[in-house]
C-alpha cells in the first residue's frame, strides 16, 4: 500500500483555533478519532492531537450553511 503525502498538511490544536477562531477547549471538543459528522477526524501523537488540513476543511464545508 502506498500513501501520497505530497499534499498532506498536518496541523495542531493552535492552527485549528486560529482557523475556527475558537478557544482550545472548543477545539478539543470538536476532535474525534472516529469519523463523525459534527467532529473533525484527528489522531493523537502522545498526548497531542493532530489532524490534516483536509479534515479541517471538510469539517468547515459540512458544517457551514453558506
N, C-alpha and C. Protein backbone atom coordinates (compact mmCIF):
# COMPACT_ATOMS: atom_id res chain seq x y z
N UNK A 1 0.84 -1.18 0.00
CA UNK A 1 0.00 0.00 0.00
C UNK A 1 0.88 1.24 0.00
N UNK A 2 0.56 2.19 -0.84
CA UNK A 2 1.32 3.44 -0.88
C UNK A 2 0.44 4.57 -0.36
N UNK A 3 1.09 5.56 0.18
CA UNK A 3 0.38 6.70 0.76
C UNK A 3 1.03 7.96 0.25
N UNK A 4 0.30 8.78 -0.47
CA UNK A 4 0.83 10.01 -1.03
C UNK A 4 0.72 11.13 0.00
N UNK A 5 1.85 11.61 0.47
CA UNK A 5 1.85 12.69 1.48
C UNK A 5 2.20 14.04 0.86
N UNK A 6 2.26 14.10 -0.45
CA UNK A 6 2.65 15.34 -1.12
C UNK A 6 1.75 16.52 -0.76
N UNK A 7 0.44 16.31 -0.68
CA UNK A 7 -0.50 17.39 -0.39
C UNK A 7 -1.09 17.28 1.00
N UNK A 8 -0.43 16.55 1.89
CA UNK A 8 -0.95 16.33 3.23
C UNK A 8 -0.30 17.32 4.20
N UNK A 9 -1.10 18.24 4.68
CA UNK A 9 -0.63 19.21 5.67
C UNK A 9 -1.18 18.79 7.03
N UNK A 10 -0.30 18.54 7.98
CA UNK A 10 -0.69 18.15 9.33
C UNK A 10 -0.72 19.40 10.19
N UNK A 11 -1.81 19.59 10.91
CA UNK A 11 -1.94 20.79 11.74
C UNK A 11 -2.20 20.39 13.20
N UNK A 12 -1.97 21.33 14.09
CA UNK A 12 -2.15 21.08 15.52
C UNK A 12 -3.31 21.91 16.07
N UNK A 13 -3.51 21.81 17.35
CA UNK A 13 -4.65 22.47 18.00
C UNK A 13 -4.59 23.99 17.86
N UNK A 14 -3.39 24.56 17.87
CA UNK A 14 -3.27 26.03 17.73
C UNK A 14 -3.75 26.50 16.36
N UNK A 15 -3.43 25.75 15.33
CA UNK A 15 -3.88 26.11 13.98
C UNK A 15 -5.39 25.97 13.86
N UNK A 16 -5.92 24.90 14.46
CA UNK A 16 -7.37 24.71 14.45
C UNK A 16 -8.05 25.92 15.12
N UNK A 17 -7.52 26.34 16.26
CA UNK A 17 -8.07 27.51 16.96
C UNK A 17 -8.01 28.76 16.10
N UNK A 18 -6.89 28.96 15.42
CA UNK A 18 -6.74 30.13 14.56
C UNK A 18 -7.74 30.12 13.41
N UNK A 19 -7.88 28.98 12.76
CA UNK A 19 -8.77 28.89 11.60
C UNK A 19 -10.22 29.05 12.01
N UNK A 20 -10.61 28.40 13.11
CA UNK A 20 -12.01 28.45 13.55
C UNK A 20 -12.31 29.62 14.48
N UNK A 21 -11.26 30.35 14.87
CA UNK A 21 -11.41 31.48 15.80
C UNK A 21 -12.16 31.03 17.06
N UNK A 22 -11.60 29.98 17.69
CA UNK A 22 -12.23 29.43 18.88
C UNK A 22 -11.17 29.15 19.95
N UNK A 23 -11.63 28.83 21.14
CA UNK A 23 -10.72 28.50 22.24
C UNK A 23 -10.20 27.07 22.08
N UNK A 24 -9.16 26.75 22.84
CA UNK A 24 -8.63 25.39 22.82
C UNK A 24 -9.67 24.40 23.34
N UNK A 25 -10.41 24.77 24.37
CA UNK A 25 -11.44 23.87 24.89
C UNK A 25 -12.47 23.52 23.83
N UNK A 26 -12.90 24.51 23.07
CA UNK A 26 -13.85 24.26 21.99
C UNK A 26 -13.23 23.37 20.93
N UNK A 27 -11.99 23.67 20.54
CA UNK A 27 -11.31 22.87 19.52
C UNK A 27 -11.17 21.42 19.97
N UNK A 28 -10.75 21.20 21.21
CA UNK A 28 -10.62 19.83 21.71
C UNK A 28 -11.96 19.10 21.66
N UNK A 29 -13.04 19.79 21.95
CA UNK A 29 -14.35 19.13 21.94
C UNK A 29 -14.80 18.76 20.53
N UNK A 30 -14.19 19.36 19.52
CA UNK A 30 -14.55 19.06 18.12
C UNK A 30 -13.75 17.90 17.53
N UNK A 31 -12.73 17.43 18.23
CA UNK A 31 -11.87 16.38 17.69
C UNK A 31 -12.38 14.99 18.05
N UNK A 32 -12.20 14.07 17.11
CA UNK A 32 -12.61 12.68 17.34
C UNK A 32 -11.72 11.75 16.53
N UNK A 33 -11.38 10.60 17.10
CA UNK A 33 -10.57 9.62 16.39
C UNK A 33 -11.40 8.77 15.44
N UNK A 34 -12.71 8.84 15.53
CA UNK A 34 -13.58 8.13 14.60
C UNK A 34 -14.39 9.15 13.83
N UNK A 35 -14.58 8.93 12.53
CA UNK A 35 -15.32 9.90 11.71
C UNK A 35 -16.76 10.10 12.21
N UNK A 36 -17.09 11.34 12.47
CA UNK A 36 -18.44 11.72 12.87
C UNK A 36 -18.78 13.03 12.16
N UNK A 37 -20.05 13.21 11.84
CA UNK A 37 -20.45 14.39 11.08
C UNK A 37 -20.10 15.70 11.77
N UNK A 38 -20.31 15.78 13.07
CA UNK A 38 -20.09 17.03 13.79
C UNK A 38 -18.69 17.16 14.36
N UNK A 39 -17.79 16.26 14.00
CA UNK A 39 -16.44 16.26 14.57
C UNK A 39 -15.38 16.39 13.47
N UNK A 40 -14.19 16.75 13.88
CA UNK A 40 -13.03 16.79 12.99
C UNK A 40 -12.26 15.49 13.23
N UNK A 41 -12.06 14.72 12.18
CA UNK A 41 -11.33 13.46 12.32
C UNK A 41 -9.87 13.79 12.60
N UNK A 42 -9.35 13.24 13.69
CA UNK A 42 -7.99 13.56 14.14
C UNK A 42 -7.37 12.34 14.81
N UNK A 43 -6.14 12.47 15.22
CA UNK A 43 -5.45 11.40 15.93
C UNK A 43 -4.50 12.01 16.95
N UNK A 44 -4.09 11.19 17.89
CA UNK A 44 -3.17 11.65 18.92
C UNK A 44 -1.78 11.09 18.66
N UNK A 45 -0.80 11.93 18.87
CA UNK A 45 0.60 11.52 18.91
C UNK A 45 1.05 11.85 20.32
N UNK A 46 1.19 10.80 21.13
CA UNK A 46 1.41 11.02 22.56
C UNK A 46 0.15 11.63 23.14
N UNK A 47 0.27 12.79 23.73
CA UNK A 47 -0.91 13.47 24.28
C UNK A 47 -1.39 14.62 23.40
N UNK A 48 -0.76 14.80 22.25
CA UNK A 48 -1.08 15.93 21.38
C UNK A 48 -1.95 15.50 20.21
N UNK A 49 -3.01 16.25 19.99
CA UNK A 49 -3.91 15.99 18.87
C UNK A 49 -3.33 16.58 17.59
N UNK A 50 -3.52 15.85 16.48
CA UNK A 50 -3.14 16.31 15.14
C UNK A 50 -4.28 15.97 14.19
N UNK A 51 -4.41 16.75 13.14
CA UNK A 51 -5.35 16.42 12.08
C UNK A 51 -4.81 16.95 10.77
N UNK A 52 -5.39 16.50 9.69
CA UNK A 52 -4.97 17.01 8.39
C UNK A 52 -5.75 18.29 8.10
N UNK A 53 -5.14 19.15 7.32
CA UNK A 53 -5.83 20.38 6.91
C UNK A 53 -7.07 20.01 6.12
N UNK A 54 -6.98 18.93 5.35
CA UNK A 54 -8.13 18.47 4.56
C UNK A 54 -9.30 18.09 5.47
N UNK A 55 -9.02 17.45 6.62
CA UNK A 55 -10.08 17.07 7.57
C UNK A 55 -10.74 18.32 8.15
N UNK A 56 -9.94 19.33 8.46
CA UNK A 56 -10.50 20.59 8.98
C UNK A 56 -11.34 21.27 7.90
N UNK A 57 -10.83 21.32 6.68
CA UNK A 57 -11.59 21.92 5.58
C UNK A 57 -12.90 21.19 5.34
N UNK A 58 -12.88 19.86 5.44
CA UNK A 58 -14.09 19.06 5.27
C UNK A 58 -15.09 19.36 6.38
N UNK A 59 -14.62 19.48 7.60
CA UNK A 59 -15.49 19.84 8.73
C UNK A 59 -16.16 21.20 8.47
N UNK A 60 -15.39 22.16 8.02
CA UNK A 60 -15.93 23.50 7.74
C UNK A 60 -16.98 23.41 6.64
N UNK A 61 -16.67 22.67 5.57
CA UNK A 61 -17.61 22.52 4.47
C UNK A 61 -18.92 21.87 4.92
N UNK A 62 -18.82 20.80 5.71
CA UNK A 62 -20.01 20.08 6.19
C UNK A 62 -20.87 20.92 7.13
N UNK A 63 -20.23 21.77 7.91
CA UNK A 63 -20.95 22.48 8.97
C UNK A 63 -21.21 23.96 8.68
N UNK A 64 -20.80 24.43 7.52
CA UNK A 64 -21.11 25.82 7.18
C UNK A 64 -22.42 25.82 6.39
N UNK A 65 -23.18 26.80 6.62
CA UNK A 65 -24.50 26.86 5.98
C UNK A 65 -24.56 28.04 5.03
N UNK A 66 -23.52 28.13 4.19
CA UNK A 66 -23.49 29.22 3.21
C UNK A 66 -23.72 28.68 1.81
